């Protein structure tokens, strides 16, 4: 498989201490509401196991993709007392995964030829595990600054953070 044709989708949940849960989407799988709901269920169980101190008091931030905002998902979150941090529409630069985590993963893959999807998954996993806690903490500090800049700009668009 050529480098340009090798595609992989990663769903990852993290907080200021690091990655809580991640999954690679199976090849050919559409991330619809039903699939995302199952991912959320697995993630919630993982939070209970690996972050028990926050298991009853944490917030979820994800973008406004249809699979994230469908009634199955929002009903599940409400029923389970999982608070949502809103994502302004058309503002990917306010999503920590978009401005912090995915660029780190992409940068670690750049310049390396991985012959198999398995090798790409291993490289992604290694990057997620190798990032120090301080990097995740810095991402959340940056997220707060970005939100404040948007508030100060009264929601108007600007070129860079």
N, C-alpha and C. Protein backbone atom coordinates (compact mmCIF):
# COMPACT_ATOMS: atom_id res chain seq x y z
N UNK A 1 0.85 -1.17 0.00
CA UNK A 1 0.00 0.00 0.00
C UNK A 1 0.90 1.24 0.00
N UNK A 2 0.63 2.17 -0.86
CA UNK A 2 1.46 3.37 -0.95
C UNK A 2 1.20 4.29 0.24
N UNK A 3 2.18 5.13 0.49
CA UNK A 3 2.09 6.04 1.62
C UNK A 3 0.86 6.93 1.54
N UNK A 4 0.54 7.42 0.37
CA UNK A 4 -0.58 8.35 0.23
C UNK A 4 -1.94 7.66 0.36
N UNK A 5 -1.98 6.36 0.19
CA UNK A 5 -3.25 5.65 0.28
C UNK A 5 -3.49 5.07 1.67
N UNK A 6 -2.50 5.06 2.51
CA UNK A 6 -2.65 4.49 3.83
C UNK A 6 -3.35 5.50 4.73
N UNK A 7 -4.56 5.19 5.10
CA UNK A 7 -5.36 6.10 5.93
C UNK A 7 -5.73 5.40 7.21
N UNK A 8 -5.72 6.16 8.27
CA UNK A 8 -6.10 5.61 9.56
C UNK A 8 -6.82 6.70 10.34
N UNK A 9 -7.82 6.32 11.08
CA UNK A 9 -8.54 7.29 11.90
C UNK A 9 -8.37 6.91 13.37
N UNK A 10 -8.03 7.91 14.15
CA UNK A 10 -7.77 7.74 15.57
C UNK A 10 -8.77 8.57 16.36
N UNK A 11 -9.42 7.94 17.32
CA UNK A 11 -10.27 8.65 18.27
C UNK A 11 -9.54 8.61 19.59
N UNK A 12 -9.31 9.78 20.17
CA UNK A 12 -8.53 9.83 21.41
C UNK A 12 -9.16 10.80 22.40
N UNK A 13 -9.16 10.40 23.66
CA UNK A 13 -9.66 11.22 24.76
C UNK A 13 -8.49 11.43 25.72
N UNK A 14 -8.27 12.68 26.09
CA UNK A 14 -7.16 12.97 26.98
C UNK A 14 -7.52 14.11 27.90
N UNK A 15 -6.76 14.21 29.00
CA UNK A 15 -6.90 15.33 29.91
C UNK A 15 -5.51 15.87 30.21
N UNK A 16 -5.39 16.71 31.21
CA UNK A 16 -4.11 17.35 31.50
C UNK A 16 -3.05 16.37 32.01
N UNK A 17 -3.46 15.16 32.37
CA UNK A 17 -2.50 14.15 32.81
C UNK A 17 -2.03 13.25 31.67
N UNK A 18 -2.74 13.28 30.55
CA UNK A 18 -2.35 12.44 29.41
C UNK A 18 -3.54 11.74 28.79
N UNK A 19 -3.25 10.75 27.99
CA UNK A 19 -4.30 10.01 27.27
C UNK A 19 -5.08 9.15 28.26
N UNK A 20 -6.39 9.24 28.16
CA UNK A 20 -7.28 8.42 28.97
C UNK A 20 -7.70 7.18 28.18
N UNK A 21 -8.05 7.38 26.91
CA UNK A 21 -8.53 6.27 26.08
C UNK A 21 -8.32 6.63 24.61
N UNK A 22 -7.96 5.63 23.83
CA UNK A 22 -7.87 5.86 22.39
C UNK A 22 -8.26 4.59 21.66
N UNK A 23 -8.74 4.78 20.45
CA UNK A 23 -9.12 3.66 19.60
C UNK A 23 -8.82 4.03 18.15
N UNK A 24 -8.36 3.06 17.42
CA UNK A 24 -8.24 3.21 15.98
C UNK A 24 -9.54 2.71 15.36
N UNK A 25 -10.11 3.50 14.49
CA UNK A 25 -11.36 3.12 13.84
C UNK A 25 -11.05 2.01 12.83
N UNK A 26 -11.79 0.91 12.90
CA UNK A 26 -11.54 -0.18 11.94
C UNK A 26 -11.69 0.30 10.49
N UNK A 27 -10.85 -0.23 9.63
CA UNK A 27 -10.90 0.14 8.22
C UNK A 27 -12.29 -0.12 7.67
N UNK A 28 -12.83 0.86 6.97
CA UNK A 28 -14.16 0.74 6.37
C UNK A 28 -15.30 1.11 7.30
N UNK A 29 -14.99 1.35 8.56
CA UNK A 29 -16.03 1.71 9.54
C UNK A 29 -16.38 3.19 9.41
N UNK A 30 -17.65 3.49 9.35
CA UNK A 30 -18.12 4.87 9.37
C UNK A 30 -18.31 5.27 10.83
N UNK A 31 -17.83 6.45 11.17
CA UNK A 31 -18.03 6.93 12.54
C UNK A 31 -19.38 7.63 12.58
N UNK A 32 -20.40 6.84 12.81
CA UNK A 32 -21.75 7.37 12.95
C UNK A 32 -22.10 7.42 14.44
N UNK A 33 -23.30 7.85 14.74
CA UNK A 33 -23.70 7.99 16.14
C UNK A 33 -23.64 6.69 16.91
N UNK A 34 -24.07 5.59 16.30
CA UNK A 34 -24.07 4.29 16.98
C UNK A 34 -22.64 3.85 17.30
N UNK A 35 -21.72 4.02 16.33
CA UNK A 35 -20.33 3.63 16.58
C UNK A 35 -19.71 4.52 17.66
N UNK A 36 -19.92 5.83 17.55
CA UNK A 36 -19.34 6.75 18.53
C UNK A 36 -19.88 6.49 19.93
N UNK A 37 -21.15 6.15 20.02
CA UNK A 37 -21.75 5.83 21.32
C UNK A 37 -21.02 4.65 21.97
N UNK A 38 -20.70 3.63 21.20
CA UNK A 38 -19.97 2.49 21.75
C UNK A 38 -18.57 2.89 22.19
N UNK A 39 -17.93 3.77 21.43
CA UNK A 39 -16.62 4.29 21.83
C UNK A 39 -16.74 5.03 23.17
N UNK A 40 -17.77 5.86 23.29
CA UNK A 40 -17.98 6.61 24.54
C UNK A 40 -18.20 5.66 25.72
N UNK A 41 -18.94 4.60 25.51
CA UNK A 41 -19.17 3.63 26.60
C UNK A 41 -17.85 3.00 27.04
N UNK A 42 -17.02 2.62 26.08
CA UNK A 42 -15.73 2.04 26.43
C UNK A 42 -14.84 3.08 27.13
N UNK A 43 -14.90 4.31 26.63
CA UNK A 43 -14.10 5.37 27.24
C UNK A 43 -14.55 5.64 28.68
N UNK A 44 -15.85 5.65 28.92
CA UNK A 44 -16.36 5.88 30.28
C UNK A 44 -15.88 4.79 31.24
N UNK A 45 -15.91 3.54 30.79
CA UNK A 45 -15.40 2.45 31.63
C UNK A 45 -13.91 2.64 31.91
N UNK A 46 -13.20 3.11 30.91
CA UNK A 46 -11.76 3.33 31.09
C UNK A 46 -11.50 4.47 32.07
N UNK A 47 -12.26 5.54 31.98
CA UNK A 47 -12.12 6.64 32.94
C UNK A 47 -12.30 6.09 34.36
N UNK A 48 -13.30 5.26 34.54
CA UNK A 48 -13.54 4.68 35.87
C UNK A 48 -12.33 3.88 36.36
N UNK A 49 -11.63 3.21 35.43
CA UNK A 49 -10.47 2.40 35.80
C UNK A 49 -9.20 3.21 35.98
N UNK A 50 -8.89 4.10 35.03
CA UNK A 50 -7.58 4.75 35.04
C UNK A 50 -7.57 6.14 35.67
N UNK A 51 -8.73 6.75 35.83
CA UNK A 51 -8.82 8.06 36.48
C UNK A 51 -9.95 8.04 37.51
N UNK A 52 -9.90 7.11 38.47
CA UNK A 52 -11.02 6.97 39.42
C UNK A 52 -11.29 8.25 40.22
N UNK A 53 -10.28 9.07 40.42
CA UNK A 53 -10.47 10.30 41.19
C UNK A 53 -11.42 11.27 40.49
N UNK A 54 -11.51 11.18 39.17
CA UNK A 54 -12.40 12.09 38.44
C UNK A 54 -13.60 11.39 37.83
N UNK A 55 -13.75 10.10 38.10
CA UNK A 55 -14.77 9.29 37.43
C UNK A 55 -16.18 9.86 37.57
N UNK A 56 -16.45 10.55 38.64
CA UNK A 56 -17.80 11.10 38.84
C UNK A 56 -17.89 12.60 38.55
N UNK A 57 -16.79 13.19 38.16
CA UNK A 57 -16.79 14.64 37.96
C UNK A 57 -15.81 15.03 36.86
N UNK A 58 -16.18 14.78 35.64
CA UNK A 58 -15.34 15.18 34.52
C UNK A 58 -16.22 15.71 33.41
N UNK A 59 -15.59 16.42 32.50
CA UNK A 59 -16.31 17.05 31.39
C UNK A 59 -15.75 16.53 30.08
N UNK A 60 -16.61 16.47 29.09
CA UNK A 60 -16.21 15.99 27.77
C UNK A 60 -16.25 17.13 26.77
N UNK A 61 -15.19 17.24 26.01
CA UNK A 61 -15.17 18.20 24.91
C UNK A 61 -14.93 17.42 23.63
N UNK A 62 -15.80 17.62 22.68
CA UNK A 62 -15.58 17.10 21.34
C UNK A 62 -16.19 18.10 20.37
N UNK A 63 -15.88 17.93 19.09
CA UNK A 63 -16.37 18.90 18.12
C UNK A 63 -17.84 18.65 17.80
N UNK A 64 -18.35 19.36 16.83
CA UNK A 64 -19.78 19.31 16.52
C UNK A 64 -20.10 18.36 15.37
N UNK A 65 -19.29 17.34 15.18
CA UNK A 65 -19.57 16.35 14.14
C UNK A 65 -20.94 15.72 14.40
N UNK A 66 -21.66 15.38 13.35
CA UNK A 66 -22.99 14.77 13.54
C UNK A 66 -22.99 13.55 14.46
N UNK A 67 -21.93 12.75 14.40
CA UNK A 67 -21.87 11.58 15.28
C UNK A 67 -21.73 11.97 16.75
N UNK A 68 -21.24 13.17 17.02
CA UNK A 68 -21.06 13.64 18.39
C UNK A 68 -22.31 14.33 18.93
N UNK A 69 -23.13 14.82 18.04
CA UNK A 69 -24.29 15.63 18.46
C UNK A 69 -25.62 14.93 18.24
N UNK A 70 -25.61 13.70 17.76
CA UNK A 70 -26.88 12.99 17.53
C UNK A 70 -27.56 12.69 18.86
N UNK A 71 -28.85 12.45 18.81
CA UNK A 71 -29.63 12.26 20.03
C UNK A 71 -29.17 11.05 20.84
N UNK A 72 -28.72 9.98 20.20
CA UNK A 72 -28.24 8.81 20.94
C UNK A 72 -27.09 9.20 21.86
N UNK A 73 -26.18 9.97 21.32
CA UNK A 73 -24.99 10.37 22.08
C UNK A 73 -25.35 11.39 23.15
N UNK A 74 -26.10 12.42 22.80
CA UNK A 74 -26.45 13.44 23.80
C UNK A 74 -27.32 12.85 24.90
N UNK A 75 -28.22 11.93 24.57
CA UNK A 75 -29.03 11.26 25.59
C UNK A 75 -28.15 10.45 26.54
N UNK A 76 -27.18 9.73 25.99
CA UNK A 76 -26.26 8.93 26.81
C UNK A 76 -25.47 9.83 27.76
N UNK A 77 -24.94 10.93 27.23
CA UNK A 77 -24.16 11.83 28.07
C UNK A 77 -25.01 12.41 29.19
N UNK A 78 -26.22 12.83 28.86
CA UNK A 78 -27.12 13.39 29.87
C UNK A 78 -27.47 12.34 30.92
N UNK A 79 -27.85 11.16 30.47
CA UNK A 79 -28.25 10.08 31.38
C UNK A 79 -27.12 9.71 32.34
N UNK A 80 -25.88 9.80 31.87
CA UNK A 80 -24.73 9.42 32.68
C UNK A 80 -24.08 10.60 33.40
N UNK A 81 -24.71 11.76 33.35
CA UNK A 81 -24.21 12.92 34.07
C UNK A 81 -22.87 13.43 33.57
N UNK A 82 -22.61 13.25 32.29
CA UNK A 82 -21.35 13.71 31.71
C UNK A 82 -21.58 15.10 31.13
N UNK A 83 -20.96 16.08 31.75
CA UNK A 83 -21.11 17.46 31.30
C UNK A 83 -20.30 17.69 30.03
N UNK A 84 -20.82 18.56 29.20
CA UNK A 84 -20.17 18.88 27.93
C UNK A 84 -19.54 20.27 27.98
N UNK A 85 -18.35 20.38 27.43
CA UNK A 85 -17.74 21.68 27.19
C UNK A 85 -18.05 22.00 25.73
N UNK A 86 -18.76 23.09 25.47
CA UNK A 86 -19.19 23.36 24.10
C UNK A 86 -18.03 23.67 23.16
N UNK A 87 -18.24 23.38 21.91
CA UNK A 87 -17.27 23.70 20.86
C UNK A 87 -17.94 24.69 19.91
N UNK A 88 -17.42 25.91 19.82
CA UNK A 88 -18.01 26.86 18.88
C UNK A 88 -17.92 26.33 17.45
N UNK A 89 -18.96 26.55 16.65
CA UNK A 89 -18.92 26.07 15.27
C UNK A 89 -17.80 26.75 14.48
N UNK A 90 -17.24 26.01 13.57
CA UNK A 90 -16.20 26.51 12.66
C UNK A 90 -14.97 27.04 13.40
N UNK A 91 -14.65 26.41 14.52
CA UNK A 91 -13.50 26.86 15.31
C UNK A 91 -12.59 25.69 15.70
N UNK A 92 -12.03 24.99 14.72
CA UNK A 92 -11.17 23.86 15.07
C UNK A 92 -9.93 24.28 15.86
N UNK A 93 -9.55 25.55 15.74
CA UNK A 93 -8.39 26.04 16.47
C UNK A 93 -8.66 26.16 17.97
N UNK A 94 -9.89 25.88 18.39
CA UNK A 94 -10.22 25.87 19.82
C UNK A 94 -10.34 24.45 20.37
N UNK A 95 -10.01 23.47 19.58
CA UNK A 95 -10.09 22.07 20.02
C UNK A 95 -8.68 21.56 20.31
N UNK A 96 -8.39 21.18 21.56
CA UNK A 96 -7.04 20.73 21.91
C UNK A 96 -6.51 19.59 21.03
N UNK A 97 -7.38 18.71 20.60
CA UNK A 97 -6.91 17.63 19.72
C UNK A 97 -6.41 18.20 18.40
N UNK A 98 -7.05 19.25 17.92
CA UNK A 98 -6.69 19.83 16.62
C UNK A 98 -5.45 20.71 16.68
N UNK A 99 -5.30 21.50 17.75
CA UNK A 99 -4.14 22.40 17.78
C UNK A 99 -2.94 21.80 18.52
N UNK A 100 -3.16 20.72 19.27
CA UNK A 100 -2.07 20.14 20.05
C UNK A 100 -1.78 18.69 19.67
N UNK A 101 -2.71 17.80 19.93
CA UNK A 101 -2.40 16.37 19.87
C UNK A 101 -2.20 15.84 18.45
N UNK A 102 -3.14 16.09 17.56
CA UNK A 102 -3.01 15.55 16.21
C UNK A 102 -1.79 16.11 15.47
N UNK A 103 -1.45 17.40 15.62
CA UNK A 103 -0.20 17.86 15.01
C UNK A 103 1.04 17.14 15.55
N UNK A 104 1.04 16.81 16.84
CA UNK A 104 2.18 16.07 17.41
C UNK A 104 2.28 14.68 16.78
N UNK A 105 1.13 14.02 16.64
CA UNK A 105 1.12 12.68 16.04
C UNK A 105 1.56 12.76 14.58
N UNK A 106 1.01 13.72 13.84
CA UNK A 106 1.38 13.86 12.42
C UNK A 106 2.87 14.15 12.27
N UNK A 107 3.39 15.02 13.12
CA UNK A 107 4.81 15.38 13.05
C UNK A 107 5.69 14.15 13.30
N UNK A 108 5.27 13.30 14.23
CA UNK A 108 6.07 12.11 14.53
C UNK A 108 6.05 11.10 13.38
N UNK A 109 5.02 11.15 12.55
CA UNK A 109 4.92 10.23 11.42
C UNK A 109 5.64 10.76 10.18
N UNK A 110 5.75 12.08 10.10
CA UNK A 110 6.32 12.71 8.91
C UNK A 110 7.77 12.27 8.70
N UNK A 111 8.06 11.94 7.45
CA UNK A 111 9.42 11.55 7.11
C UNK A 111 9.75 10.09 7.36
N UNK A 112 8.80 9.35 7.90
CA UNK A 112 9.00 7.92 8.14
C UNK A 112 8.09 7.12 7.20
N UNK A 113 8.64 6.10 6.62
CA UNK A 113 7.83 5.24 5.74
C UNK A 113 7.39 4.02 6.54
N UNK A 114 6.11 3.91 6.74
CA UNK A 114 5.54 2.76 7.45
C UNK A 114 4.90 1.85 6.41
N UNK A 115 5.32 0.62 6.38
CA UNK A 115 4.87 -0.31 5.34
C UNK A 115 3.47 -0.86 5.59
N UNK A 116 3.03 -0.86 6.83
CA UNK A 116 1.73 -1.46 7.14
C UNK A 116 0.92 -0.53 8.04
N UNK A 117 -0.38 -0.75 8.06
CA UNK A 117 -1.24 0.00 8.98
C UNK A 117 -0.85 -0.29 10.42
N UNK A 118 -0.47 -1.51 10.67
CA UNK A 118 -0.04 -1.89 12.02
C UNK A 118 1.16 -1.05 12.46
N UNK A 119 2.09 -0.81 11.57
CA UNK A 119 3.27 0.00 11.89
C UNK A 119 2.87 1.45 12.16
N UNK A 120 1.91 1.97 11.41
CA UNK A 120 1.42 3.33 11.64
C UNK A 120 0.75 3.40 13.01
N UNK A 121 -0.07 2.41 13.32
CA UNK A 121 -0.74 2.38 14.63
C UNK A 121 0.27 2.33 15.76
N UNK A 122 1.30 1.52 15.60
CA UNK A 122 2.35 1.43 16.63
C UNK A 122 3.05 2.77 16.82
N UNK A 123 3.35 3.46 15.72
CA UNK A 123 4.01 4.76 15.80
C UNK A 123 3.11 5.79 16.47
N UNK A 124 1.83 5.78 16.13
CA UNK A 124 0.88 6.71 16.77
C UNK A 124 0.79 6.43 18.27
N UNK A 125 0.66 5.16 18.61
CA UNK A 125 0.55 4.77 20.02
C UNK A 125 1.79 5.19 20.79
N UNK A 126 2.95 5.00 20.20
CA UNK A 126 4.20 5.39 20.85
C UNK A 126 4.23 6.89 21.11
N UNK A 127 3.80 7.68 20.12
CA UNK A 127 3.76 9.13 20.29
C UNK A 127 2.84 9.52 21.43
N UNK A 128 1.64 8.94 21.46
CA UNK A 128 0.70 9.25 22.54
C UNK A 128 1.29 8.95 23.90
N UNK A 129 1.98 7.83 24.01
CA UNK A 129 2.55 7.40 25.30
C UNK A 129 3.81 8.17 25.67
N UNK A 130 4.55 8.64 24.66
CA UNK A 130 5.81 9.32 24.93
C UNK A 130 5.66 10.80 25.28
N UNK A 131 4.53 11.39 24.96
CA UNK A 131 4.35 12.81 25.30
C UNK A 131 4.31 12.95 26.81
N UNK A 132 5.10 13.85 27.36
CA UNK A 132 5.12 14.00 28.82
C UNK A 132 3.85 14.69 29.32
N UNK A 133 3.55 14.45 30.57
CA UNK A 133 2.38 15.07 31.19
C UNK A 133 2.43 16.59 31.05
N UNK A 134 3.61 17.16 31.13
CA UNK A 134 3.74 18.61 31.01
C UNK A 134 3.25 19.12 29.65
N UNK A 135 3.39 18.33 28.61
CA UNK A 135 2.89 18.73 27.29
C UNK A 135 1.37 18.81 27.30
N UNK A 136 0.73 17.82 27.91
CA UNK A 136 -0.73 17.83 28.01
C UNK A 136 -1.20 19.01 28.87
N UNK A 137 -0.49 19.26 29.97
CA UNK A 137 -0.84 20.40 30.83
C UNK A 137 -0.72 21.70 30.05
N UNK A 138 0.34 21.83 29.28
CA UNK A 138 0.53 23.02 28.46
C UNK A 138 -0.57 23.20 27.44
N UNK A 139 -1.07 22.10 26.89
CA UNK A 139 -2.17 22.19 25.92
C UNK A 139 -3.41 22.77 26.57
N UNK A 140 -3.67 22.40 27.81
CA UNK A 140 -4.87 22.91 28.48
C UNK A 140 -4.70 24.37 28.89
N UNK A 141 -3.48 24.77 29.23
CA UNK A 141 -3.21 26.19 29.48
C UNK A 141 -3.42 26.98 28.19
N UNK A 142 -2.92 26.47 27.10
CA UNK A 142 -3.09 27.12 25.79
C UNK A 142 -4.57 27.19 25.42
N UNK A 143 -5.31 26.14 25.71
CA UNK A 143 -6.75 26.12 25.41
C UNK A 143 -7.46 27.24 26.15
N UNK A 144 -7.11 27.43 27.43
CA UNK A 144 -7.71 28.52 28.21
C UNK A 144 -7.37 29.87 27.59
N UNK A 145 -6.13 30.05 27.17
CA UNK A 145 -5.72 31.32 26.54
C UNK A 145 -6.50 31.55 25.24
N UNK A 146 -6.66 30.50 24.47
CA UNK A 146 -7.40 30.60 23.20
C UNK A 146 -8.86 30.98 23.46
N UNK A 147 -9.48 30.34 24.43
CA UNK A 147 -10.86 30.69 24.77
C UNK A 147 -10.94 32.15 25.19
N UNK A 148 -10.00 32.59 26.03
CA UNK A 148 -10.03 33.97 26.51
C UNK A 148 -9.86 34.95 25.35
N UNK A 149 -8.99 34.63 24.41
CA UNK A 149 -8.80 35.51 23.26
C UNK A 149 -10.10 35.62 22.46
N UNK A 150 -10.82 34.52 22.31
CA UNK A 150 -12.11 34.56 21.60
C UNK A 150 -13.13 35.39 22.36
N UNK A 151 -13.14 35.24 23.67
CA UNK A 151 -14.06 36.03 24.50
C UNK A 151 -13.72 37.51 24.37
N UNK A 152 -12.43 37.82 24.48
CA UNK A 152 -12.00 39.22 24.37
C UNK A 152 -12.33 39.81 22.99
N UNK A 153 -12.31 38.97 21.95
CA UNK A 153 -12.62 39.43 20.59
C UNK A 153 -14.13 39.37 20.33
N UNK A 154 -14.88 39.04 21.34
CA UNK A 154 -16.35 38.95 21.26
C UNK A 154 -16.79 38.04 20.10
N UNK A 155 -16.05 36.94 19.95
CA UNK A 155 -16.42 35.94 18.95
C UNK A 155 -16.00 36.26 17.54
N UNK A 156 -15.37 37.41 17.33
CA UNK A 156 -14.94 37.78 15.98
C UNK A 156 -13.75 36.88 15.57
N UNK A 157 -13.59 36.70 14.28
CA UNK A 157 -12.49 35.89 13.78
C UNK A 157 -11.19 36.68 13.80
N UNK A 158 -10.09 35.97 13.99
CA UNK A 158 -8.77 36.57 13.89
C UNK A 158 -7.83 35.52 13.32
N UNK A 159 -6.69 35.96 12.87
CA UNK A 159 -5.81 35.10 12.08
C UNK A 159 -5.03 34.06 12.87
N UNK A 160 -4.50 34.41 14.01
CA UNK A 160 -3.67 33.43 14.72
C UNK A 160 -3.72 33.65 16.22
N UNK A 161 -3.30 32.60 16.92
CA UNK A 161 -3.29 32.66 18.39
C UNK A 161 -1.93 33.02 18.88
